[in-house]
């Protein structure tokens, strides 16, 4: 194996390790959000007000942007 090939292999291994670390963090955040969603994000459905609706609208817009980036929709379309 040449030095260049060995460096490329190490780079790929390090990239994969970093990716898997971030994926585990992402998956943990998704699990937390899924649980929070099941609990209405702590809002009481009987007394929910516009503040909770506005917060959820903002959070949804952020998640939509992430999904659009990944699926190349909207402004991220090729």
Protein backbone atom coordinates (compact mmCIF):
# COMPACT_ATOMS: atom_id res chain seq x y z
CA UNK A 1 0.00 0.00 0.00
CA UNK A 2 1.43 3.37 -0.96
CA UNK A 3 1.65 6.26 1.49
CA UNK A 4 -1.05 8.10 -0.46
CA UNK A 5 -3.36 5.07 -0.37
CA UNK A 6 -2.74 4.63 3.36
CA UNK A 7 -3.54 8.31 4.01
CA UNK A 8 -6.72 8.03 1.95
CA UNK A 9 -7.77 4.92 3.91
CA UNK A 10 -7.10 6.66 7.26
CA UNK A 11 -9.00 9.72 6.07
CA UNK A 12 -11.99 7.57 5.12
CA UNK A 13 -11.90 5.74 8.47
CA UNK A 14 -11.72 9.05 10.37
CA UNK A 15 -14.54 10.50 8.27
CA UNK A 16 -16.71 7.46 8.97
CA UNK A 17 -16.00 7.67 12.71
CA UNK A 18 -16.94 11.36 12.78
CA UNK A 19 -20.08 10.66 10.73
CA UNK A 20 -21.20 7.83 13.01
CA UNK A 21 -20.59 9.96 16.12
CA UNK A 22 -22.75 12.77 14.72
CA UNK A 23 -25.39 10.28 13.53
CA UNK A 24 -25.66 8.87 17.06
CA UNK A 25 -26.10 12.42 18.40
CA UNK A 26 -28.71 13.14 15.71
CA UNK A 27 -30.60 9.92 16.49
CA UNK A 28 -30.59 10.75 20.22
CA UNK A 29 -32.01 14.20 19.51
CA UNK A 30 -34.71 12.71 17.27
CA UNK A 31 -35.65 10.26 20.03
CA UNK A 32 -35.88 13.11 22.55
CA UNK A 33 -38.02 15.19 20.20
CA UNK A 34 -40.26 12.22 19.42
CA UNK A 35 -40.86 11.69 23.14
CA UNK A 36 -41.46 15.40 23.71
CA UNK A 37 -43.90 15.46 20.78
CA UNK A 38 -45.84 12.56 22.26
CA UNK A 39 -46.16 14.71 25.39
CA UNK A 40 -47.29 17.77 23.36
CA UNK A 41 -43.91 19.40 24.12
CA UNK A 42 -45.07 19.93 27.68
CA UNK A 43 -48.07 22.01 26.64
CA UNK A 44 -51.43 21.25 28.18
CA UNK A 45 -53.85 20.78 25.23
CA UNK A 46 -56.62 22.21 27.39
CA UNK A 47 -54.78 25.50 28.02
CA UNK A 48 -52.43 25.89 25.05
CA UNK A 49 -51.92 29.50 23.94
CA UNK A 50 -50.35 31.27 20.96
CA UNK A 51 -46.85 31.16 22.47
CA UNK A 52 -46.77 27.37 22.28
CA UNK A 53 -48.19 27.46 18.74
CA UNK A 54 -45.56 30.01 17.67
CA UNK A 55 -42.74 27.99 19.22
CA UNK A 56 -43.93 24.83 17.45
CA UNK A 57 -44.24 26.72 14.17
CA UNK A 58 -40.63 27.93 14.48
CA UNK A 59 -39.35 24.44 15.40
CA UNK A 60 -41.26 22.90 12.48
CA UNK A 61 -39.76 25.43 10.05
CA UNK A 62 -36.26 24.49 11.24
CA UNK A 63 -36.94 20.78 10.80
CA UNK A 64 -38.49 21.42 7.38
CA UNK A 65 -35.32 23.24 6.33
CA UNK A 66 -33.21 20.25 7.39
CA UNK A 67 -35.50 17.86 5.49
CA UNK A 68 -35.46 20.11 2.43
CA UNK A 69 -31.65 20.16 2.48
CA UNK A 70 -31.44 16.39 2.72
CA UNK A 71 -34.09 15.67 0.09
CA UNK A 72 -33.01 18.60 -2.13
CA UNK A 73 -36.40 20.29 -2.11
CA UNK A 74 -37.35 23.93 -2.39
CA UNK A 75 -34.39 26.30 -2.41
CA UNK A 76 -32.01 23.32 -2.20
CA UNK A 77 -33.35 21.70 -5.37
CA UNK A 78 -30.61 21.02 -7.89
